[in-house]
N, C-alpha and C. Protein backbone atom coordinates (compact mmCIF):
# COMPACT_ATOMS: atom_id res chain seq x y z
N UNK A 1 54.92 -64.34 7.14
CA UNK A 1 53.40 -64.92 7.04
C UNK A 1 52.68 -64.67 7.87
N UNK A 2 51.25 -64.33 7.70
CA UNK A 2 50.07 -64.01 9.15
C UNK A 2 49.24 -64.95 8.79
N UNK A 3 49.14 -65.48 9.94
CA UNK A 3 47.48 -66.31 9.80
C UNK A 3 46.45 -65.52 10.15
N UNK A 4 45.56 -65.87 9.13
CA UNK A 4 44.22 -65.28 9.31
C UNK A 4 42.98 -65.99 9.77
N UNK A 5 41.91 -65.95 11.02
CA UNK A 5 40.89 -67.00 11.04
C UNK A 5 39.70 -65.93 10.64
N UNK A 6 38.61 -66.58 10.33
CA UNK A 6 37.18 -65.94 10.23
C UNK A 6 36.32 -67.16 10.86
N UNK A 7 35.14 -66.26 11.25
CA UNK A 7 33.83 -67.13 11.85
C UNK A 7 33.02 -66.12 11.29
N UNK A 8 31.69 -66.89 10.60
CA UNK A 8 30.39 -65.86 10.25
C UNK A 8 29.34 -66.61 9.78
N UNK A 9 28.81 -65.99 8.99
CA UNK A 9 28.12 -66.50 8.22
C UNK A 9 28.10 -65.81 6.51
N UNK A 10 27.78 -67.19 5.28
CA UNK A 10 27.57 -66.96 4.26
C UNK A 10 26.28 -67.42 3.69
N UNK A 11 25.28 -66.57 3.14
CA UNK A 11 24.25 -66.72 2.64
C UNK A 11 23.69 -66.68 1.02
N UNK A 12 23.78 -68.25 0.32
CA UNK A 12 23.47 -68.13 -1.05
C UNK A 12 21.74 -67.90 -1.27
N UNK A 13 21.72 -67.18 -2.13
CA UNK A 13 20.28 -66.87 -2.75
C UNK A 13 20.13 -67.67 -4.17
N UNK A 14 18.65 -68.23 -4.48
CA UNK A 14 18.40 -68.93 -5.53
C UNK A 14 18.92 -68.29 -6.88
N UNK A 15 19.00 -66.66 -6.96
CA UNK A 15 19.08 -65.58 -7.69
C UNK A 15 20.51 -65.30 -8.04
N UNK A 16 21.37 -66.06 -7.78
CA UNK A 16 22.90 -65.77 -7.99
C UNK A 16 23.70 -64.74 -6.90
N UNK A 17 23.06 -64.45 -5.84
CA UNK A 17 23.18 -63.26 -4.92
C UNK A 17 23.92 -64.39 -4.05
N UNK A 18 24.72 -63.58 -3.33
CA UNK A 18 25.44 -64.16 -1.68
C UNK A 18 25.95 -62.98 -1.23
N UNK A 19 25.68 -63.41 0.42
CA UNK A 19 26.12 -62.06 1.36
C UNK A 19 26.83 -62.95 2.30
N UNK A 20 27.49 -62.24 2.93
CA UNK A 20 28.56 -62.69 4.15
C UNK A 20 28.60 -61.71 4.93
N UNK A 21 29.11 -62.24 6.07
CA UNK A 21 28.98 -61.27 7.54
C UNK A 21 30.02 -62.19 8.48
N UNK A 22 30.99 -61.77 8.40
CA UNK A 22 31.97 -62.71 9.51
C UNK A 22 32.87 -61.62 10.12
N UNK A 23 33.62 -61.90 11.35
CA UNK A 23 34.75 -61.52 11.83
C UNK A 23 36.34 -62.12 11.74
N UNK A 24 37.15 -60.96 11.01
CA UNK A 24 38.38 -61.67 10.79
C UNK A 24 39.35 -61.38 11.78
N UNK A 25 39.91 -62.25 12.56
CA UNK A 25 40.86 -62.10 13.48
C UNK A 25 42.50 -62.15 12.62
N UNK A 26 43.35 -61.02 12.72
CA UNK A 26 44.40 -60.47 12.02
C UNK A 26 45.34 -60.16 12.79
N UNK A 27 46.51 -60.27 12.87
CA UNK A 27 47.87 -59.95 13.82
C UNK A 27 46.96 -59.24 15.06
N UNK A 28 46.16 -60.13 15.59
CA UNK A 28 46.14 -59.79 17.07
C UNK A 28 44.77 -58.92 17.19
N UNK A 29 44.19 -58.62 16.10
CA UNK A 29 43.20 -57.50 15.56
C UNK A 29 41.99 -58.20 15.20
N UNK A 30 40.58 -57.57 15.54
CA UNK A 30 39.45 -58.15 14.96
C UNK A 30 38.61 -57.14 13.91
N UNK A 31 38.47 -57.84 12.72
CA UNK A 31 37.80 -57.03 11.72
C UNK A 31 36.73 -57.41 10.89
N UNK A 32 35.30 -56.56 11.49
CA UNK A 32 33.96 -57.13 11.19
C UNK A 32 34.27 -56.88 9.17
N UNK A 33 33.66 -57.95 8.86
CA UNK A 33 33.27 -58.24 7.17
C UNK A 33 32.19 -58.60 6.83
N UNK A 34 31.54 -57.46 5.79
CA UNK A 34 29.95 -58.10 5.45
C UNK A 34 30.12 -57.15 4.46
N UNK A 35 29.68 -57.96 2.96
CA UNK A 35 29.50 -57.69 1.73
C UNK A 35 29.08 -58.24 0.94
N UNK A 36 28.16 -57.80 -0.13
CA UNK A 36 27.39 -58.76 -1.29
C UNK A 36 28.26 -59.26 -2.01
N UNK A 37 28.13 -60.05 -3.13
CA UNK A 37 28.32 -60.59 -4.02
C UNK A 37 27.59 -61.50 -4.83
N UNK A 38 28.16 -62.25 -6.16
CA UNK A 38 27.51 -63.27 -6.90
C UNK A 38 28.33 -64.06 -6.93
N UNK A 39 27.47 -65.39 -7.19
CA UNK A 39 28.16 -66.69 -7.68
C UNK A 39 27.23 -67.37 -8.73
N UNK A 40 28.22 -67.99 -9.64
CA UNK A 40 27.75 -68.72 -10.41
C UNK A 40 28.17 -70.27 -10.54
N UNK A 41 27.40 -71.21 -11.31
CA UNK A 41 27.98 -72.61 -11.42
C UNK A 41 29.29 -72.39 -12.45
N UNK A 42 30.11 -73.49 -11.91
CA UNK A 42 31.23 -73.64 -12.83
C UNK A 42 30.48 -74.95 -14.10
N UNK A 43 31.19 -74.62 -15.24
CA UNK A 43 30.67 -75.39 -16.46
C UNK A 43 31.05 -76.37 -16.57
N UNK A 44 32.14 -77.11 -15.96
CA UNK A 44 32.64 -78.29 -15.98
C UNK A 44 31.85 -79.45 -15.34
N UNK A 45 30.84 -79.21 -14.57
CA UNK A 45 30.04 -80.39 -13.88
C UNK A 45 30.50 -81.16 -12.36
N UNK A 46 31.58 -80.25 -12.21
CA UNK A 46 32.08 -80.91 -10.77
C UNK A 46 31.58 -80.23 -9.61
N UNK A 47 30.33 -79.89 -9.95
CA UNK A 47 29.61 -79.29 -8.32
C UNK A 47 30.14 -78.35 -7.83
N UNK A 48 31.22 -77.40 -8.82
CA UNK A 48 31.93 -76.17 -8.14
C UNK A 48 30.71 -75.27 -8.68
N UNK A 49 31.47 -73.85 -7.83
CA UNK A 49 31.18 -72.36 -8.32
C UNK A 49 32.39 -71.62 -8.23
N UNK A 50 31.86 -70.37 -8.66
CA UNK A 50 32.62 -69.33 -8.15
C UNK A 50 31.82 -67.99 -7.55
N UNK A 51 32.32 -67.79 -6.71
CA UNK A 51 32.01 -66.35 -5.93
C UNK A 51 32.81 -64.99 -6.42
N UNK A 52 32.15 -64.02 -6.37
CA UNK A 52 32.42 -62.71 -6.82
C UNK A 52 31.83 -61.56 -5.59
N UNK A 53 33.20 -61.06 -5.06
CA UNK A 53 32.99 -59.91 -3.95
C UNK A 53 33.68 -58.79 -4.64
N UNK A 54 32.90 -57.73 -5.23
CA UNK A 54 33.49 -56.91 -5.86
C UNK A 54 33.62 -55.77 -5.08
N UNK A 55 33.08 -55.59 -3.79
CA UNK A 55 34.25 -54.59 -2.97
C UNK A 55 35.19 -54.61 -2.53
N UNK A 56 35.47 -55.87 -2.29
CA UNK A 56 37.23 -56.60 -1.41
C UNK A 56 37.92 -56.86 -2.67
N UNK A 57 36.90 -57.13 -4.10
CA UNK A 57 37.91 -57.55 -4.88
C UNK A 57 38.04 -59.22 -5.09
N UNK A 58 37.46 -59.95 -4.07
CA UNK A 58 38.02 -61.17 -4.08
C UNK A 58 37.01 -61.90 -4.99
N UNK A 59 37.74 -63.09 -5.21
CA UNK A 59 37.36 -64.09 -6.09
C UNK A 59 37.31 -65.51 -5.20
N UNK A 60 36.22 -66.24 -4.86
CA UNK A 60 36.39 -67.58 -4.29
C UNK A 60 36.01 -68.81 -5.24
N UNK A 61 36.86 -70.04 -5.20
CA UNK A 61 36.31 -70.81 -5.97
C UNK A 61 35.95 -72.09 -4.52
N UNK A 62 34.43 -72.48 -4.81
CA UNK A 62 34.08 -73.24 -4.08
C UNK A 62 33.69 -74.52 -4.52
N UNK A 63 33.43 -75.85 -3.70
CA UNK A 63 33.10 -76.95 -4.40
C UNK A 63 32.43 -77.50 -3.29
N UNK A 64 31.13 -78.11 -3.42
CA UNK A 64 29.83 -78.89 -2.50
C UNK A 64 30.23 -80.17 -2.28
N UNK A 65 30.64 -80.72 -1.16
CA UNK A 65 31.00 -81.73 -0.46
C UNK A 65 29.97 -82.37 0.47
N UNK A 66 29.90 -83.62 0.80
CA UNK A 66 29.22 -84.29 1.65
C UNK A 66 27.80 -84.05 1.58
N UNK A 67 27.63 -84.47 0.32
CA UNK A 67 25.82 -84.12 -0.37
C UNK A 67 25.21 -82.77 -0.10
N UNK A 68 26.27 -81.97 -0.08
CA UNK A 68 25.81 -79.99 0.14
C UNK A 68 25.67 -79.60 1.54
N UNK A 69 26.24 -80.49 2.35
CA UNK A 69 26.12 -80.27 3.88
C UNK A 69 27.52 -79.15 4.15
N UNK A 70 28.27 -79.39 3.33
CA UNK A 70 29.37 -78.40 3.47
C UNK A 70 30.27 -78.25 2.21
N UNK A 71 30.77 -76.88 2.13
CA UNK A 71 31.77 -76.43 1.08
C UNK A 71 32.88 -76.50 1.62
N UNK A 72 33.80 -76.75 0.81
CA UNK A 72 35.27 -76.44 0.39
C UNK A 72 35.60 -75.40 -0.46
N UNK A 73 36.71 -74.16 0.15
CA UNK A 73 36.77 -73.27 -0.59
C UNK A 73 38.30 -72.51 -0.62
N UNK A 74 38.69 -71.79 -1.63
CA UNK A 74 39.80 -71.13 -1.81
C UNK A 74 39.72 -70.05 -2.45
N UNK A 75 40.15 -69.05 -1.89
CA UNK A 75 40.03 -67.84 -2.02
C UNK A 75 41.59 -67.80 -3.50
N UNK A 76 41.02 -67.17 -4.70
CA UNK A 76 41.99 -67.09 -5.65
C UNK A 76 42.14 -65.61 -6.04
N UNK A 77 42.65 -64.69 -4.97
CA UNK A 77 42.96 -63.47 -5.44
C UNK A 77 44.25 -62.85 -5.42
N UNK A 78 44.92 -61.80 -6.40
CA UNK A 78 46.06 -61.89 -6.21
C UNK A 78 46.52 -61.50 -4.85
N UNK A 79 47.58 -61.65 -4.41
CA UNK A 79 47.80 -61.25 -2.85
C UNK A 79 47.17 -61.45 -1.73
N UNK A 80 46.38 -62.26 -1.98
CA UNK A 80 45.48 -63.33 -0.85
C UNK A 80 45.65 -64.82 -0.87
N UNK A 81 45.72 -65.67 0.05
CA UNK A 81 45.83 -66.96 -0.34
C UNK A 81 44.99 -67.09 0.87
N UNK A 82 43.84 -68.17 0.49
CA UNK A 82 43.07 -68.66 1.88
C UNK A 82 42.14 -69.93 1.42
N UNK A 83 41.62 -71.14 2.43
CA UNK A 83 41.30 -72.22 2.03
C UNK A 83 40.69 -72.52 3.27
N UNK A 84 39.58 -73.08 3.24
CA UNK A 84 38.75 -73.38 4.23
C UNK A 84 37.52 -74.32 4.00
N UNK A 85 36.78 -74.35 5.16
CA UNK A 85 35.66 -75.05 5.13
C UNK A 85 34.36 -74.43 5.44
N UNK A 86 33.05 -74.40 4.76
CA UNK A 86 31.88 -73.58 5.21
C UNK A 86 30.84 -74.61 5.45
N UNK A 87 30.53 -74.85 6.62
CA UNK A 87 29.25 -75.92 7.08
C UNK A 87 27.94 -75.53 7.43
N UNK A 88 27.32 -76.32 6.57
CA UNK A 88 25.76 -75.96 6.70
C UNK A 88 25.05 -75.95 8.37
N UNK A 89 24.35 -74.64 8.51
CA UNK A 89 23.86 -74.43 9.89
C UNK A 89 22.29 -75.15 9.78
């Protein structure tokens, strides 16, 4: 198993678009990541939403916590597993 660490920004727009720009550290190398995507609210009313990044083929499941100041996420893509926290700046 390899550990990956990332730091950067994600920007959510009211029209359902999202952009991300971050550096990923994996296996001793740094990889810049930057791509657009879309997000939509989940229909179950639990403050969750799903983000899709077509360029990388990633799907993220996200939940707002701490009155919207933080987002917990889980990457739900075959062959990739990740979880973490996004903090509003």
